[in-house]
Amino acid sequence: MTKKEILKTVIVDDNPEDIKILKQCLAHYNHIDVVCTCGDGREGMAAIMIHNPDLLFLDIELPDMSGIEFLESLDEKVFEKCRIVAYTSYVDYMLKSFRNHAFDFLQKPINRENLDTIIRRLETSWNPTRKASIGAIANAERHLMTYINQVDFLVVKLKDIGLFEYDSKQKVWMMNVAGISKPIKLKRSVYNKDILSLSKDFVQVHQSYIINIDYLMKVVDNVCHFLPPFNLIKDVRVGKTFRKNLFNKIIDLS
């Protein structure tokens, strides 16, 4: 591994204080970038799909599932792309973690020497060609999963998403998808930066709107007009502070 290779890292832990301590420890390694922290297993699953991390620190005691169940539910492709460190106070989970593809085991409270050993192992085992394959897999999949209720979830293609609208009353982003009549409510933990990271085609045009530029037909009096099937949506305005974002995505031939 070269110093320039930054490892995108996700932490899944329901204890905010433990997350804070781990982030402080990881800050000593300039090639590790913590891009997301999650408080339960479902958020962790979504973070893997959104961020496609190189490294995951997984607490074994989570409120909605155990870390072992989390590992068991992951697709084999994830283990090819991501090194997972089981991270817990209970050494009894060590063997089960390794049997379920964990790369290493870090016991709480964190011992810096143990963490250094894990990072050195990671650097030694890192395959520099792996990042290309990660990008190829991510671009090929291009799907988004969102939960409908506590158990059921919906999978949509990113290219079928027309726009996202922020509902200020519910304080959530709503997603408009081709073929689905009603907007889909996303979790409160989803922010605009999370949405924008999903695709280069998603552009924020207003504090309350993120559009898929592939469906944008024209802008008249600062109002967006969309191609079918989103042509009936008429109230999406382009905010003054976001105009440059939009124009940077468009080639001006005038």
Protein backbone atom coordinates (compact mmCIF):
# COMPACT_ATOMS: atom_id res chain seq x y z
CA MET A 1 0.00 0.00 0.00
CA THR A 2 1.28 3.49 -0.84
CA LYS A 3 0.72 6.50 1.37
CA LYS A 4 -1.57 8.02 -1.26
CA GLU A 5 -4.13 5.20 -1.07
CA ILE A 6 -6.86 6.43 1.26
CA LEU A 7 -9.00 3.70 2.81
CA LYS A 8 -12.68 4.60 3.13
CA THR A 9 -13.73 3.40 6.56
CA VAL A 10 -17.13 2.82 8.16
CA ILE A 11 -17.79 2.26 11.88
CA VAL A 12 -20.91 0.38 13.05
CA ASP A 13 -21.44 0.77 16.81
CA ASP A 14 -24.43 1.76 18.94
CA ASN A 15 -22.24 3.46 21.57
CA PRO A 16 -21.43 7.08 20.58
CA GLU A 17 -18.58 7.30 23.08
CA ASP A 18 -16.91 4.17 21.68
CA ILE A 19 -17.26 5.61 18.16
CA LYS A 20 -15.64 8.84 19.32
CA ILE A 21 -12.68 6.97 20.87
CA LEU A 22 -12.16 4.78 17.80
CA LYS A 23 -12.30 7.79 15.46
CA GLN A 24 -9.70 9.56 17.60
CA CYS A 25 -7.44 6.51 17.40
CA LEU A 26 -7.89 6.15 13.64
CA ALA A 27 -7.10 9.85 13.14
CA HIS A 28 -3.43 8.97 13.79
CA TYR A 29 -3.34 7.06 10.47
CA ASN A 30 -3.36 9.61 7.63
CA HIS A 31 -4.42 7.04 5.03
CA ILE A 32 -7.65 6.06 6.88
CA ASP A 33 -10.71 8.21 6.25
CA VAL A 34 -13.83 7.56 8.38
CA VAL A 35 -16.60 8.40 5.89
CA CYS A 36 -19.58 7.20 7.95
CA THR A 37 -20.61 6.00 11.41
CA CYS A 38 -23.78 3.95 12.06
CA GLY A 39 -25.73 3.07 15.19
CA ASP A 40 -27.27 -0.25 14.14
CA GLY A 41 -27.04 -3.09 11.66
CA ARG A 42 -29.55 -1.76 9.14
CA GLU A 43 -27.73 1.54 8.91
CA GLY A 44 -24.48 -0.37 8.52
CA MET A 45 -25.88 -2.41 5.61
CA ALA A 46 -27.03 0.77 3.89
CA ALA A 47 -23.63 2.41 4.50
CA ILE A 48 -21.86 -0.47 2.75
CA MET A 49 -24.07 0.01 -0.31
CA ILE A 50 -23.64 3.80 -0.32
CA HIS A 51 -19.96 4.18 0.57
CA ASN A 52 -18.46 0.90 -0.70
CA PRO A 53 -15.85 0.99 2.11
CA ASP A 54 -12.40 -0.55 2.15
CA LEU A 55 -12.47 -1.06 5.92
CA LEU A 56 -15.32 -1.70 8.36
CA PHE A 57 -15.17 -1.73 12.18
CA LEU A 58 -18.16 -3.78 13.32
CA ASP A 59 -19.43 -3.87 16.90
CA ILE A 60 -20.77 -7.34 17.73
CA GLU A 61 -23.48 -6.16 20.17
CA LEU A 62 -25.94 -4.10 18.10
CA PRO A 63 -29.55 -3.17 19.03
CA ASP A 64 -31.24 -4.74 15.98
CA MET A 65 -28.96 -7.71 15.23
CA SER A 66 -25.70 -9.23 16.40
CA GLY A 67 -22.50 -8.54 14.53
CA ILE A 68 -22.33 -12.24 13.72
CA GLU A 69 -25.77 -12.03 12.05
CA PHE A 70 -24.53 -8.96 10.21
CA LEU A 71 -21.53 -10.89 8.88
CA GLU A 72 -23.66 -13.89 7.95
CA SER A 73 -26.01 -11.72 5.90
CA LEU A 74 -23.30 -10.09 3.78
CA ASP A 75 -22.74 -11.10 0.19
CA GLU A 76 -19.43 -12.81 -0.59
CA LYS A 77 -18.48 -9.87 -2.85
CA VAL A 78 -18.34 -7.59 0.20
CA PHE A 79 -15.56 -9.67 1.76
CA GLU A 80 -13.59 -9.39 -1.49
CA LYS A 81 -13.87 -5.59 -1.39
CA CYS A 82 -13.80 -4.78 2.32
CA ARG A 83 -11.71 -5.78 5.32
CA ILE A 84 -13.95 -6.20 8.39
CA VAL A 85 -12.64 -5.86 11.93
CA ALA A 86 -14.91 -7.31 14.63
CA TYR A 87 -14.88 -4.80 17.45
CA THR A 88 -16.28 -5.69 20.89
CA SER A 89 -15.69 -6.08 24.61
CA TYR A 90 -16.42 -9.82 24.48
CA VAL A 91 -13.57 -12.14 23.45
CA ASP A 92 -16.06 -15.04 23.26
CA TYR A 93 -17.07 -13.74 19.82
CA MET A 94 -13.57 -13.98 18.38
CA LEU A 95 -13.81 -17.47 16.87
CA LYS A 96 -17.30 -16.90 15.43
CA SER A 97 -16.09 -13.65 13.89
CA PHE A 98 -13.18 -15.30 12.12
CA ARG A 99 -15.40 -18.16 10.95
CA ASN A 100 -17.63 -15.52 9.32
CA HIS A 101 -14.87 -13.84 7.31
CA ALA A 102 -13.76 -11.16 9.78
CA PHE A 103 -10.29 -9.90 8.86
CA ASP A 104 -9.25 -9.24 12.46
CA PHE A 105 -10.56 -8.76 16.00
CA LEU A 106 -10.22 -5.63 18.15
CA GLN A 107 -11.21 -5.77 21.81
CA LYS A 108 -12.68 -2.84 23.75
CA PRO A 109 -11.33 -0.76 25.38
CA ILE A 110 -8.96 -0.15 22.50
CA ASN A 111 -5.29 -0.95 22.97
CA ARG A 112 -3.23 1.17 20.57
CA GLU A 113 -0.64 -1.58 20.08
CA ASN A 114 -3.37 -4.00 19.01
CA LEU A 115 -4.81 -1.43 16.64
CA ASP A 116 -1.34 -0.77 15.19
CA THR A 117 -0.95 -4.50 14.58
CA ILE A 118 -4.27 -4.65 12.74
CA ILE A 119 -3.39 -1.66 10.56
CA ARG A 120 0.01 -3.19 9.71
CA ARG A 121 -1.70 -6.48 8.77
CA LEU A 122 -4.11 -4.55 6.61
CA GLU A 123 -1.29 -2.73 4.83
CA THR A 124 0.62 -5.96 4.24
CA SER A 125 -2.38 -7.84 2.86
CA TRP A 126 -3.74 -4.98 0.73
CA ASN A 127 -3.92 -5.74 -2.97
CA PRO A 128 -3.30 -2.53 -4.98
CA THR A 129 -5.36 -3.88 -7.91
CA ARG A 130 -8.40 -4.39 -5.68
CA LYS A 131 -9.61 -0.80 -5.91
CA ALA A 132 -10.20 -1.05 -9.65
CA SER A 133 -12.38 -4.09 -9.17
CA ILE A 134 -14.28 -2.34 -6.38
CA GLY A 135 -15.17 0.55 -8.68
CA ALA A 136 -16.19 -1.81 -11.46
CA ILE A 137 -18.54 -3.74 -9.17
CA ALA A 138 -20.05 -0.56 -7.72
CA ASN A 139 -20.72 0.93 -11.15
CA ALA A 140 -22.22 -2.32 -12.41
CA GLU A 141 -24.67 -2.70 -9.51
CA ARG A 142 -26.07 0.86 -9.32
CA HIS A 143 -28.92 -0.11 -7.01
CA LEU A 144 -30.26 1.49 -3.83
CA MET A 145 -31.97 -0.30 -0.96
CA THR A 146 -34.41 1.48 1.35
CA TYR A 147 -36.56 0.03 4.13
CA ILE A 148 -40.37 0.23 3.77
CA ASN A 149 -40.95 -0.85 7.38
CA GLN A 150 -39.00 -2.64 10.12
CA VAL A 151 -38.57 -5.79 8.00
CA ASP A 152 -39.39 -5.19 4.32
CA PHE A 153 -37.21 -3.22 1.94
CA LEU A 154 -37.34 -1.90 -1.60
CA VAL A 155 -34.53 -2.05 -4.18
CA VAL A 156 -34.53 0.56 -6.96
CA LYS A 157 -32.17 1.34 -9.81
CA LEU A 158 -30.42 4.68 -9.43
CA LYS A 159 -31.24 5.55 -13.04
CA ASP A 160 -34.97 5.27 -12.21
CA ILE A 161 -34.81 7.96 -9.51
CA GLY A 162 -36.00 11.32 -10.83
CA LEU A 163 -35.53 13.57 -7.83
CA PHE A 164 -35.39 13.86 -4.06
CA GLU A 165 -37.46 16.40 -2.13
CA TYR A 166 -36.91 17.38 1.51
CA ASP A 167 -40.07 17.25 3.64
CA SER A 168 -39.51 19.93 6.30
CA LYS A 169 -42.46 18.76 8.42
CA GLN A 170 -41.26 15.15 8.70
CA LYS A 171 -37.60 16.25 8.44
CA VAL A 172 -36.79 13.53 5.90
CA TRP A 173 -35.86 13.28 2.23
CA MET A 174 -38.53 11.84 -0.08
CA MET A 175 -37.49 9.91 -3.20
CA ASN A 176 -39.45 9.99 -6.50
CA VAL A 177 -38.97 6.81 -8.53
CA ALA A 178 -40.26 5.94 -12.01
CA GLY A 179 -43.13 3.45 -11.87
CA ILE A 180 -43.95 4.19 -8.22
CA SER A 181 -46.86 6.60 -7.75
CA LYS A 182 -46.03 7.97 -4.29
CA PRO A 183 -42.69 9.39 -3.08
CA ILE A 184 -40.71 7.04 -0.86
CA LYS A 185 -39.67 8.32 2.57
CA LEU A 186 -36.01 7.84 3.44
CA LYS A 187 -34.62 7.54 6.96
CA ARG A 188 -33.89 10.65 9.02
CA SER A 189 -30.25 9.63 9.10
CA VAL A 190 -29.98 10.17 5.32
CA TYR A 191 -28.59 13.62 4.47
CA ASN A 192 -28.12 15.47 1.19
CA LYS A 193 -24.41 14.57 1.08
CA ASP A 194 -25.33 10.87 1.30
CA ILE A 195 -27.69 11.22 -1.66
CA LEU A 196 -25.20 13.21 -3.73
CA SER A 197 -22.53 10.57 -3.17
CA LEU A 198 -24.70 7.92 -4.85
CA SER A 199 -24.32 9.19 -8.42
CA LYS A 200 -22.61 11.96 -10.39
CA ASP A 201 -26.00 12.52 -12.07
CA PHE A 202 -27.60 13.69 -8.82
CA VAL A 203 -27.36 17.49 -8.48
CA GLN A 204 -28.66 19.68 -5.68
CA VAL A 205 -30.56 22.63 -7.22
CA HIS A 206 -32.25 23.96 -4.10
CA GLN A 207 -32.03 23.48 -0.35
CA SER A 208 -35.04 21.17 -0.66
CA TYR A 209 -34.40 19.50 -4.04
CA ILE A 210 -31.85 17.11 -5.53
CA ILE A 211 -32.55 16.14 -9.14
CA ASN A 212 -31.35 13.46 -11.54
CA ILE A 213 -29.99 15.62 -14.35
CA ASP A 214 -30.77 12.90 -16.90
CA TYR A 215 -34.47 13.82 -16.55
CA LEU A 216 -34.02 17.60 -16.72
CA MET A 217 -35.48 19.03 -19.96
CA LYS A 218 -35.28 22.80 -19.36
CA VAL A 219 -35.28 25.55 -16.72
CA VAL A 220 -37.75 28.41 -17.20
CA ASP A 221 -37.94 31.29 -14.69
CA ASN A 222 -35.77 29.22 -12.35
CA VAL A 223 -38.28 26.33 -12.40
CA CYS A 224 -37.20 22.86 -13.55
CA HIS A 225 -39.18 21.03 -16.22
CA PHE A 226 -38.61 17.29 -16.45
CA LEU A 227 -38.84 14.57 -19.06
CA PRO A 228 -41.39 11.75 -18.61
CA PRO A 229 -42.27 10.09 -16.33
CA PHE A 230 -41.54 13.10 -14.09
CA ASN A 231 -43.04 15.75 -16.42
CA LEU A 232 -45.99 16.38 -14.07
CA ILE A 233 -43.70 17.70 -11.33
CA LYS A 234 -43.75 21.48 -11.76
CA ASP A 235 -42.66 23.11 -8.50
CA VAL A 236 -38.92 22.37 -8.37
CA ARG A 237 -37.09 25.69 -8.22
CA VAL A 238 -33.40 26.37 -8.73
CA GLY A 239 -32.00 28.28 -5.75
CA LYS A 240 -29.56 31.14 -6.35
CA THR A 241 -26.77 29.48 -4.36
CA PHE A 242 -27.18 26.23 -6.31
CA ARG A 243 -27.27 27.57 -9.89
CA LYS A 244 -23.53 27.11 -10.34
CA ASN A 245 -23.83 23.46 -9.26
CA LEU A 246 -26.32 22.89 -12.04
CA PHE A 247 -24.48 24.85 -14.73
CA ASN A 248 -21.27 22.93 -14.01
CA LYS A 249 -23.10 19.77 -15.08
CA ILE A 250 -24.26 21.21 -18.39
CA ILE A 251 -22.25 21.98 -21.54
CA ASP A 252 -23.14 25.49 -22.75
CA LEU A 253 -23.31 25.66 -26.58
CA SER A 254 -24.90 29.11 -26.78
